[in-house]
Amino acid sequence: MNNLMKVYKEVSIDVLELGKRIKEAREADSRPLTTICDLIDMSRKNWYDIESESQSLPLETLRKIENVLGVDFGVSLD
């Protein structure tokens, strides 16, 4: 019998001025923030917390932001 157990680790990195860059990309987009947040399934408060860098940002959420805004912030956890 082959009993397998998954082993994993959580990885995080610090990205300089990512919140500022996200804000600049949002401001360059012509759509209102409510529309952008709806597309990402995120509240405006959560969005502002990300821009002000007052919370951590899951990679999955960053990828959604990049997709909706059509940008690549160059963040990799590899």
N, C-alpha and C. Protein backbone atom coordinates (compact mmCIF):
# COMPACT_ATOMS: atom_id res chain seq x y z
N MET A 1 0.85 -1.18 0.00
CA MET A 1 0.00 0.00 0.00
C MET A 1 0.89 1.24 0.00
N ASN A 2 0.55 2.17 -0.86
CA ASN A 2 1.35 3.39 -1.01
C ASN A 2 0.59 4.56 -0.40
N ASN A 3 0.96 4.94 0.82
CA ASN A 3 0.31 6.06 1.49
C ASN A 3 1.13 7.31 1.26
N LEU A 4 0.56 8.26 0.55
CA LEU A 4 1.26 9.49 0.23
C LEU A 4 0.71 10.65 1.05
N MET A 5 1.60 11.49 1.49
CA MET A 5 1.20 12.69 2.22
C MET A 5 1.80 13.90 1.51
N LYS A 6 0.99 14.91 1.30
CA LYS A 6 1.49 16.14 0.69
C LYS A 6 2.21 16.97 1.74
N VAL A 7 3.30 17.56 1.33
CA VAL A 7 4.06 18.50 2.16
C VAL A 7 4.12 19.81 1.38
N TYR A 8 3.84 20.91 2.02
CA TYR A 8 3.83 22.18 1.31
C TYR A 8 4.45 23.27 2.16
N LYS A 9 4.75 24.37 1.52
CA LYS A 9 5.24 25.54 2.23
C LYS A 9 4.57 26.77 1.65
N GLU A 10 4.42 27.77 2.47
CA GLU A 10 3.86 29.04 2.03
C GLU A 10 5.02 29.96 1.71
N VAL A 11 4.91 30.65 0.60
CA VAL A 11 5.97 31.55 0.17
C VAL A 11 5.38 32.95 0.05
N SER A 12 6.10 33.93 0.53
CA SER A 12 5.68 35.31 0.35
C SER A 12 6.91 36.16 0.07
N ILE A 13 6.68 37.25 -0.65
CA ILE A 13 7.77 38.17 -0.96
C ILE A 13 7.27 39.59 -0.74
N ASP A 14 8.20 40.51 -0.54
CA ASP A 14 7.88 41.93 -0.46
C ASP A 14 8.12 42.53 -1.84
N VAL A 15 7.17 43.31 -2.31
CA VAL A 15 7.28 43.95 -3.62
C VAL A 15 7.21 45.45 -3.41
N LEU A 16 8.25 46.15 -3.77
CA LEU A 16 8.35 47.58 -3.57
C LEU A 16 7.28 48.34 -4.35
N GLU A 17 6.52 49.16 -3.64
CA GLU A 17 5.52 50.07 -4.21
C GLU A 17 4.48 49.39 -5.11
N LEU A 18 4.13 48.15 -4.81
CA LEU A 18 3.14 47.47 -5.63
C LEU A 18 1.78 48.15 -5.52
N GLY A 19 1.40 48.58 -4.34
CA GLY A 19 0.13 49.28 -4.17
C GLY A 19 0.07 50.55 -5.01
N LYS A 20 1.15 51.28 -5.05
CA LYS A 20 1.23 52.50 -5.85
C LYS A 20 1.09 52.18 -7.34
N ARG A 21 1.74 51.12 -7.76
CA ARG A 21 1.68 50.72 -9.17
C ARG A 21 0.28 50.25 -9.57
N ILE A 22 -0.38 49.55 -8.65
CA ILE A 22 -1.76 49.13 -8.89
C ILE A 22 -2.66 50.35 -9.01
N LYS A 23 -2.47 51.32 -8.13
CA LYS A 23 -3.27 52.55 -8.18
C LYS A 23 -3.05 53.28 -9.50
N GLU A 24 -1.81 53.39 -9.94
CA GLU A 24 -1.51 54.08 -11.20
C GLU A 24 -2.18 53.37 -12.38
N ALA A 25 -2.17 52.04 -12.36
CA ALA A 25 -2.81 51.27 -13.44
C ALA A 25 -4.31 51.47 -13.41
N ARG A 26 -4.89 51.51 -12.22
CA ARG A 26 -6.33 51.74 -12.10
C ARG A 26 -6.69 53.13 -12.62
N GLU A 27 -5.90 54.13 -12.24
CA GLU A 27 -6.19 55.50 -12.67
C GLU A 27 -6.04 55.67 -14.18
N ALA A 28 -5.21 54.85 -14.79
CA ALA A 28 -5.03 54.91 -16.24
C ALA A 28 -6.16 54.21 -16.99
N ASP A 29 -6.96 53.43 -16.27
CA ASP A 29 -8.09 52.72 -16.85
C ASP A 29 -9.30 53.65 -16.85
N SER A 30 -10.06 53.64 -17.90
CA SER A 30 -11.20 54.56 -18.01
C SER A 30 -12.44 54.10 -17.23
N ARG A 31 -12.45 52.86 -16.80
CA ARG A 31 -13.63 52.34 -16.10
C ARG A 31 -13.66 52.80 -14.65
N PRO A 32 -14.86 52.98 -14.09
CA PRO A 32 -14.96 53.34 -12.68
C PRO A 32 -14.49 52.19 -11.78
N LEU A 33 -14.05 52.55 -10.60
CA LEU A 33 -13.55 51.54 -9.66
C LEU A 33 -14.62 50.49 -9.35
N THR A 34 -15.86 50.89 -9.26
CA THR A 34 -16.92 49.92 -8.96
C THR A 34 -16.98 48.83 -10.03
N THR A 35 -16.79 49.20 -11.29
CA THR A 35 -16.79 48.22 -12.37
C THR A 35 -15.59 47.29 -12.25
N ILE A 36 -14.42 47.85 -12.00
CA ILE A 36 -13.20 47.05 -11.85
C ILE A 36 -13.36 46.07 -10.68
N CYS A 37 -13.87 46.56 -9.56
CA CYS A 37 -14.05 45.70 -8.39
C CYS A 37 -15.07 44.60 -8.66
N ASP A 38 -16.13 44.92 -9.39
CA ASP A 38 -17.12 43.90 -9.73
C ASP A 38 -16.48 42.78 -10.58
N LEU A 39 -15.62 43.15 -11.50
CA LEU A 39 -14.97 42.16 -12.35
C LEU A 39 -14.02 41.25 -11.57
N ILE A 40 -13.48 41.75 -10.48
CA ILE A 40 -12.55 40.97 -9.65
C ILE A 40 -13.27 40.32 -8.48
N ASP A 41 -14.54 40.71 -8.26
CA ASP A 41 -15.32 40.24 -7.10
C ASP A 41 -14.65 40.69 -5.80
N MET A 42 -14.47 42.00 -5.70
CA MET A 42 -13.77 42.60 -4.56
C MET A 42 -14.51 43.86 -4.15
N SER A 43 -14.49 44.17 -2.87
CA SER A 43 -15.10 45.41 -2.40
C SER A 43 -14.17 46.59 -2.65
N ARG A 44 -14.74 47.78 -2.72
CA ARG A 44 -13.92 48.98 -2.90
C ARG A 44 -12.99 49.17 -1.71
N LYS A 45 -13.46 48.87 -0.50
CA LYS A 45 -12.62 48.99 0.69
C LYS A 45 -11.39 48.09 0.57
N ASN A 46 -11.61 46.86 0.14
CA ASN A 46 -10.51 45.92 -0.04
C ASN A 46 -9.52 46.47 -1.07
N TRP A 47 -10.05 47.03 -2.16
CA TRP A 47 -9.19 47.59 -3.21
C TRP A 47 -8.32 48.72 -2.63
N TYR A 48 -8.95 49.62 -1.89
CA TYR A 48 -8.20 50.74 -1.31
C TYR A 48 -7.16 50.25 -0.30
N ASP A 49 -7.49 49.18 0.43
CA ASP A 49 -6.51 48.59 1.36
C ASP A 49 -5.30 48.06 0.59
N ILE A 50 -5.54 47.49 -0.59
CA ILE A 50 -4.43 46.99 -1.41
C ILE A 50 -3.59 48.16 -1.91
N GLU A 51 -4.24 49.20 -2.42
CA GLU A 51 -3.50 50.36 -2.91
C GLU A 51 -2.68 51.03 -1.81
N SER A 52 -3.20 51.05 -0.60
CA SER A 52 -2.47 51.68 0.51
C SER A 52 -1.49 50.72 1.18
N GLU A 53 -1.44 49.49 0.67
CA GLU A 53 -0.53 48.46 1.17
C GLU A 53 -0.74 48.18 2.65
N SER A 54 -2.01 48.23 3.09
CA SER A 54 -2.32 47.97 4.50
C SER A 54 -2.76 46.53 4.73
N GLN A 55 -2.64 45.70 3.71
CA GLN A 55 -2.95 44.28 3.83
C GLN A 55 -2.08 43.48 2.88
N SER A 56 -2.01 42.19 3.10
CA SER A 56 -1.30 41.30 2.18
C SER A 56 -2.16 41.06 0.96
N LEU A 57 -1.52 40.67 -0.12
CA LEU A 57 -2.22 40.45 -1.38
C LEU A 57 -1.97 39.04 -1.87
N PRO A 58 -3.00 38.20 -1.87
CA PRO A 58 -2.82 36.85 -2.41
C PRO A 58 -2.44 36.90 -3.89
N LEU A 59 -1.57 36.01 -4.31
CA LEU A 59 -1.12 35.98 -5.70
C LEU A 59 -2.31 35.83 -6.65
N GLU A 60 -3.28 35.02 -6.29
CA GLU A 60 -4.46 34.82 -7.14
C GLU A 60 -5.20 36.15 -7.37
N THR A 61 -5.31 36.96 -6.33
CA THR A 61 -5.98 38.27 -6.47
C THR A 61 -5.15 39.20 -7.33
N LEU A 62 -3.83 39.19 -7.15
CA LEU A 62 -2.96 40.01 -7.99
C LEU A 62 -3.13 39.63 -9.46
N ARG A 63 -3.21 38.35 -9.75
CA ARG A 63 -3.39 37.91 -11.14
C ARG A 63 -4.73 38.39 -11.70
N LYS A 64 -5.78 38.40 -10.87
CA LYS A 64 -7.08 38.91 -11.32
C LYS A 64 -6.97 40.40 -11.63
N ILE A 65 -6.29 41.15 -10.77
CA ILE A 65 -6.10 42.58 -10.99
C ILE A 65 -5.35 42.82 -12.29
N GLU A 66 -4.27 42.07 -12.49
CA GLU A 66 -3.49 42.21 -13.72
C GLU A 66 -4.35 41.91 -14.94
N ASN A 67 -5.15 40.87 -14.86
CA ASN A 67 -5.99 40.47 -15.98
C ASN A 67 -7.02 41.55 -16.31
N VAL A 68 -7.70 42.06 -15.31
CA VAL A 68 -8.74 43.06 -15.52
C VAL A 68 -8.15 44.38 -16.02
N LEU A 69 -7.00 44.77 -15.49
CA LEU A 69 -6.38 46.04 -15.89
C LEU A 69 -5.49 45.90 -17.12
N GLY A 70 -5.23 44.67 -17.54
CA GLY A 70 -4.40 44.45 -18.72
C GLY A 70 -2.94 44.83 -18.51
N VAL A 71 -2.44 44.55 -17.31
CA VAL A 71 -1.04 44.86 -16.99
C VAL A 71 -0.35 43.64 -16.41
N ASP A 72 0.96 43.69 -16.37
CA ASP A 72 1.78 42.66 -15.73
C ASP A 72 2.73 43.37 -14.79
N PHE A 73 2.57 43.15 -13.51
CA PHE A 73 3.42 43.81 -12.52
C PHE A 73 4.74 43.08 -12.32
N GLY A 74 4.95 42.00 -13.01
CA GLY A 74 6.23 41.30 -12.96
C GLY A 74 6.51 40.59 -11.65
N VAL A 75 5.47 40.22 -10.93
CA VAL A 75 5.63 39.54 -9.63
C VAL A 75 5.62 38.04 -9.86
N SER A 76 6.66 37.38 -9.37
CA SER A 76 6.76 35.92 -9.49
C SER A 76 7.22 35.35 -8.15
N LEU A 77 6.66 34.25 -7.77
CA LEU A 77 7.07 33.58 -6.54
C LEU A 77 7.99 32.38 -6.81
N ASP A 78 8.47 32.27 -8.04
CA ASP A 78 9.36 31.16 -8.40
C ASP A 78 10.73 31.35 -7.81
